[in-house]
Structures are given as structure tokens and as C-alpha cells.
Amino acid sequence: MKNPLTAVTIQHALDWAYDKAVNGVKGLDTAQEIAESYMKESNNPINNANSLIRWQNSKAITSGFITGPGRRDGHARDASR
């Protein structure tokens, strides 16, 4: 392996992902903008938060299903084969 997976590598990846989630990427809303749009749904912040959580969970499940088909052992398929 050219670049071994280390704690530093993982921390850099998490820092990058956090920055993108908070500050957004071109073409996507920031976390703040998403939260503000959900707060406009109703006057009940708990229902708004639950709606946001359900939607994000649905996206995560769909993404996991699409990227990991065909495996029952919990490991993603090796695309290099």
C-alpha cells in the first residue's frame, strides 16, 4: 500500500469532511442553510429536526445500498477486481 492508513490520515479526512459539511461545497447547501430550510417547515423545532434526521438517514441508507451491493459479510465490494 502506497499510503498506509494512519491516525493522522484519518484525522485529515475527517477534518476535510467536517469542513465541507459545515461550509458546503459548490452546488450544495451548507449545514446551516439546510437547518434553516427545515426550520421553516413548521413552528415545532422537534418535528423539524426529526424530519431532517429522517431525510439524512434515508440518503445514507440509499448511498450505502448503492455502493455495497452483493455482499452479505458487511464489507464493501473491491472495485479493483
N, C-alpha and C. Protein backbone atom coordinates (compact mmCIF):
# COMPACT_ATOMS: atom_id res chain seq x y z
N MET A 1 0.85 -1.18 0.00
CA MET A 1 0.00 0.00 0.00
C MET A 1 0.89 1.23 0.00
N LYS A 2 0.63 2.13 -0.93
CA LYS A 2 1.43 3.33 -1.08
C LYS A 2 1.30 4.27 0.12
N ASN A 3 0.08 4.60 0.49
CA ASN A 3 -0.18 5.50 1.61
C ASN A 3 -0.90 4.73 2.71
N PRO A 4 -0.16 4.28 3.72
CA PRO A 4 -0.81 3.49 4.77
C PRO A 4 -1.84 4.33 5.54
N LEU A 5 -2.87 3.66 6.00
CA LEU A 5 -3.93 4.31 6.75
C LEU A 5 -3.44 4.51 8.18
N THR A 6 -3.28 5.76 8.57
CA THR A 6 -2.80 6.08 9.91
C THR A 6 -3.82 6.98 10.60
N ALA A 7 -3.61 7.19 11.89
CA ALA A 7 -4.49 8.08 12.64
C ALA A 7 -4.45 9.49 12.06
N VAL A 8 -3.28 9.92 11.61
CA VAL A 8 -3.14 11.25 11.02
C VAL A 8 -3.93 11.34 9.71
N THR A 9 -3.84 10.30 8.88
CA THR A 9 -4.58 10.28 7.62
C THR A 9 -6.08 10.34 7.87
N ILE A 10 -6.53 9.56 8.82
CA ILE A 10 -7.96 9.54 9.17
C ILE A 10 -8.38 10.91 9.70
N GLN A 11 -7.56 11.53 10.54
CA GLN A 11 -7.90 12.84 11.09
C GLN A 11 -7.99 13.88 9.98
N HIS A 12 -7.08 13.83 9.02
CA HIS A 12 -7.14 14.77 7.90
C HIS A 12 -8.43 14.57 7.09
N ALA A 13 -8.81 13.32 6.87
CA ALA A 13 -10.03 13.04 6.13
C ALA A 13 -11.26 13.54 6.89
N LEU A 14 -11.29 13.32 8.19
CA LEU A 14 -12.41 13.80 9.00
C LEU A 14 -12.47 15.32 9.03
N ASP A 15 -11.31 15.97 9.15
CA ASP A 15 -11.27 17.44 9.13
C ASP A 15 -11.80 17.98 7.80
N TRP A 16 -11.39 17.34 6.70
CA TRP A 16 -11.85 17.76 5.37
C TRP A 16 -13.36 17.60 5.26
N ALA A 17 -13.87 16.44 5.68
CA ALA A 17 -15.31 16.17 5.59
C ALA A 17 -16.11 17.13 6.47
N TYR A 18 -15.60 17.42 7.65
CA TYR A 18 -16.29 18.35 8.55
C TYR A 18 -16.35 19.74 7.93
N ASP A 19 -15.22 20.18 7.39
CA ASP A 19 -15.18 21.49 6.74
C ASP A 19 -16.20 21.58 5.62
N LYS A 20 -16.29 20.53 4.81
CA LYS A 20 -17.23 20.54 3.69
C LYS A 20 -18.68 20.51 4.19
N ALA A 21 -18.93 19.78 5.26
CA ALA A 21 -20.28 19.70 5.80
C ALA A 21 -20.73 21.05 6.37
N VAL A 22 -19.82 21.72 7.05
CA VAL A 22 -20.17 23.00 7.68
C VAL A 22 -20.17 24.13 6.67
N ASN A 23 -19.15 24.19 5.83
CA ASN A 23 -19.00 25.32 4.92
C ASN A 23 -19.57 25.06 3.52
N GLY A 24 -19.92 23.83 3.25
CA GLY A 24 -20.52 23.47 1.98
C GLY A 24 -19.51 23.31 0.86
N VAL A 25 -19.99 22.78 -0.22
CA VAL A 25 -19.21 22.63 -1.44
C VAL A 25 -20.03 23.24 -2.56
N LYS A 26 -19.36 23.58 -3.63
CA LYS A 26 -20.05 24.23 -4.74
C LYS A 26 -21.24 23.38 -5.20
N GLY A 27 -22.39 24.01 -5.25
CA GLY A 27 -23.60 23.32 -5.71
C GLY A 27 -24.41 22.68 -4.60
N LEU A 28 -23.88 22.66 -3.37
CA LEU A 28 -24.61 22.07 -2.25
C LEU A 28 -24.76 23.09 -1.13
N ASP A 29 -25.82 22.97 -0.35
CA ASP A 29 -26.04 23.87 0.77
C ASP A 29 -25.12 23.54 1.93
N THR A 30 -24.85 24.54 2.76
CA THR A 30 -24.10 24.30 3.99
C THR A 30 -25.03 23.67 5.02
N ALA A 31 -24.46 23.16 6.09
CA ALA A 31 -25.27 22.59 7.17
C ALA A 31 -26.22 23.64 7.73
N GLN A 32 -25.76 24.87 7.86
CA GLN A 32 -26.58 25.96 8.37
C GLN A 32 -27.77 26.22 7.45
N GLU A 33 -27.52 26.24 6.15
CA GLU A 33 -28.59 26.50 5.19
C GLU A 33 -29.63 25.38 5.21
N ILE A 34 -29.16 24.15 5.32
CA ILE A 34 -30.09 23.01 5.39
C ILE A 34 -30.95 23.11 6.64
N ALA A 35 -30.31 23.40 7.78
CA ALA A 35 -31.05 23.52 9.04
C ALA A 35 -32.08 24.63 8.95
N GLU A 36 -31.69 25.77 8.39
CA GLU A 36 -32.63 26.89 8.27
C GLU A 36 -33.82 26.54 7.38
N SER A 37 -33.58 25.78 6.32
CA SER A 37 -34.70 25.41 5.45
C SER A 37 -35.66 24.47 6.16
N TYR A 38 -35.15 23.59 7.01
CA TYR A 38 -36.02 22.68 7.76
C TYR A 38 -36.76 23.41 8.87
N MET A 39 -36.17 24.47 9.41
CA MET A 39 -36.83 25.21 10.48
C MET A 39 -38.03 25.98 9.96
N LYS A 40 -38.12 26.17 8.65
CA LYS A 40 -39.25 26.89 8.04
C LYS A 40 -40.46 25.99 7.84
N GLU A 41 -40.30 24.66 8.01
CA GLU A 41 -41.40 23.74 7.75
C GLU A 41 -42.58 23.95 8.67
N SER A 42 -42.30 24.18 9.95
CA SER A 42 -43.38 24.39 10.91
C SER A 42 -42.82 25.15 12.11
N ASN A 43 -43.68 25.39 13.08
CA ASN A 43 -43.25 26.08 14.31
C ASN A 43 -42.78 25.11 15.38
N ASN A 44 -42.69 23.83 15.04
CA ASN A 44 -42.28 22.83 16.02
C ASN A 44 -40.84 22.38 15.71
N PRO A 45 -39.86 22.89 16.46
CA PRO A 45 -38.47 22.57 16.16
C PRO A 45 -38.14 21.08 16.29
N ILE A 46 -38.81 20.38 17.19
CA ILE A 46 -38.57 18.94 17.35
C ILE A 46 -38.99 18.19 16.10
N ASN A 47 -40.18 18.50 15.58
CA ASN A 47 -40.65 17.86 14.34
C ASN A 47 -39.74 18.21 13.17
N ASN A 48 -39.28 19.46 13.12
CA ASN A 48 -38.39 19.87 12.05
C ASN A 48 -37.07 19.10 12.11
N ALA A 49 -36.52 18.98 13.31
CA ALA A 49 -35.26 18.24 13.48
C ALA A 49 -35.45 16.77 13.11
N ASN A 50 -36.55 16.18 13.55
CA ASN A 50 -36.82 14.78 13.21
C ASN A 50 -36.97 14.58 11.71
N SER A 51 -37.59 15.53 11.04
CA SER A 51 -37.74 15.47 9.59
C SER A 51 -36.38 15.49 8.90
N LEU A 52 -35.52 16.38 9.36
CA LEU A 52 -34.17 16.47 8.81
C LEU A 52 -33.40 15.17 9.04
N ILE A 53 -33.49 14.64 10.23
CA ILE A 53 -32.79 13.39 10.56
C ILE A 53 -33.29 12.24 9.69
N ARG A 54 -34.61 12.13 9.54
CA ARG A 54 -35.17 11.06 8.71
C ARG A 54 -34.67 11.17 7.27
N TRP A 55 -34.63 12.38 6.72
CA TRP A 55 -34.19 12.57 5.35
C TRP A 55 -32.71 12.22 5.20
N GLN A 56 -31.88 12.65 6.14
CA GLN A 56 -30.46 12.36 6.07
C GLN A 56 -30.21 10.85 6.23
N ASN A 57 -30.95 10.20 7.11
CA ASN A 57 -30.83 8.75 7.26
C ASN A 57 -31.21 8.04 5.97
N SER A 58 -32.27 8.49 5.33
CA SER A 58 -32.69 7.88 4.07
C SER A 58 -31.61 8.01 3.00
N LYS A 59 -30.98 9.18 2.93
CA LYS A 59 -29.90 9.37 1.95
C LYS A 59 -28.71 8.47 2.26
N ALA A 60 -28.36 8.34 3.55
CA ALA A 60 -27.23 7.49 3.94
C ALA A 60 -27.51 6.02 3.62
N ILE A 61 -28.73 5.58 3.89
CA ILE A 61 -29.10 4.18 3.61
C ILE A 61 -29.04 3.92 2.11
N THR A 62 -29.58 4.84 1.34
CA THR A 62 -29.57 4.68 -0.12
C THR A 62 -28.15 4.63 -0.65
N SER A 63 -27.31 5.53 -0.17
CA SER A 63 -25.91 5.56 -0.60
C SER A 63 -25.21 4.25 -0.25
N GLY A 64 -25.43 3.76 0.96
CA GLY A 64 -24.82 2.50 1.38
C GLY A 64 -25.30 1.33 0.54
N PHE A 65 -26.57 1.33 0.22
CA PHE A 65 -27.12 0.25 -0.60
C PHE A 65 -26.52 0.27 -2.00
N ILE A 66 -26.42 1.46 -2.57
CA ILE A 66 -25.90 1.58 -3.94
C ILE A 66 -24.42 1.22 -4.01
N THR A 67 -23.65 1.62 -3.02
CA THR A 67 -22.19 1.38 -3.07
C THR A 67 -21.77 0.02 -2.57
N GLY A 68 -22.65 -0.73 -1.95
CA GLY A 68 -22.24 -2.01 -1.39
C GLY A 68 -23.09 -3.20 -1.76
N PRO A 69 -23.60 -3.29 -3.00
CA PRO A 69 -24.47 -4.44 -3.33
C PRO A 69 -23.68 -5.74 -3.47
N GLY A 70 -24.37 -6.81 -3.20
CA GLY A 70 -23.79 -8.12 -3.45
C GLY A 70 -22.99 -8.71 -2.32
N ARG A 71 -22.81 -8.00 -1.23
CA ARG A 71 -22.01 -8.52 -0.11
C ARG A 71 -22.91 -8.71 1.10
N ARG A 72 -22.78 -9.84 1.72
CA ARG A 72 -23.56 -10.11 2.93
C ARG A 72 -22.69 -10.15 4.17
N ASP A 73 -21.38 -10.00 4.00
CA ASP A 73 -20.48 -10.08 5.14
C ASP A 73 -20.16 -8.71 5.73
N GLY A 74 -20.81 -7.65 5.26
CA GLY A 74 -20.60 -6.32 5.81
C GLY A 74 -19.44 -5.56 5.23
N HIS A 75 -18.72 -6.14 4.28
CA HIS A 75 -17.59 -5.46 3.66
C HIS A 75 -17.97 -4.99 2.27
N ALA A 76 -17.49 -3.83 1.91
CA ALA A 76 -17.76 -3.30 0.59
C ALA A 76 -17.04 -4.13 -0.46
N ARG A 77 -17.62 -4.18 -1.63
CA ARG A 77 -17.02 -4.91 -2.75
C ARG A 77 -15.75 -4.21 -3.20
N ASP A 78 -14.72 -4.98 -3.55
CA ASP A 78 -13.46 -4.43 -4.03
C ASP A 78 -13.61 -4.11 -5.51
N ALA A 79 -13.66 -2.81 -5.83
CA ALA A 79 -13.88 -2.38 -7.21
C ALA A 79 -12.67 -2.61 -8.11
N SER A 80 -11.51 -2.92 -7.52
CA SER A 80 -10.31 -3.10 -8.32
C SER A 80 -10.25 -4.48 -8.97
N ARG A 81 -11.15 -5.38 -8.60
CA ARG A 81 -11.12 -6.73 -9.17
C ARG A 81 -11.94 -6.82 -10.41
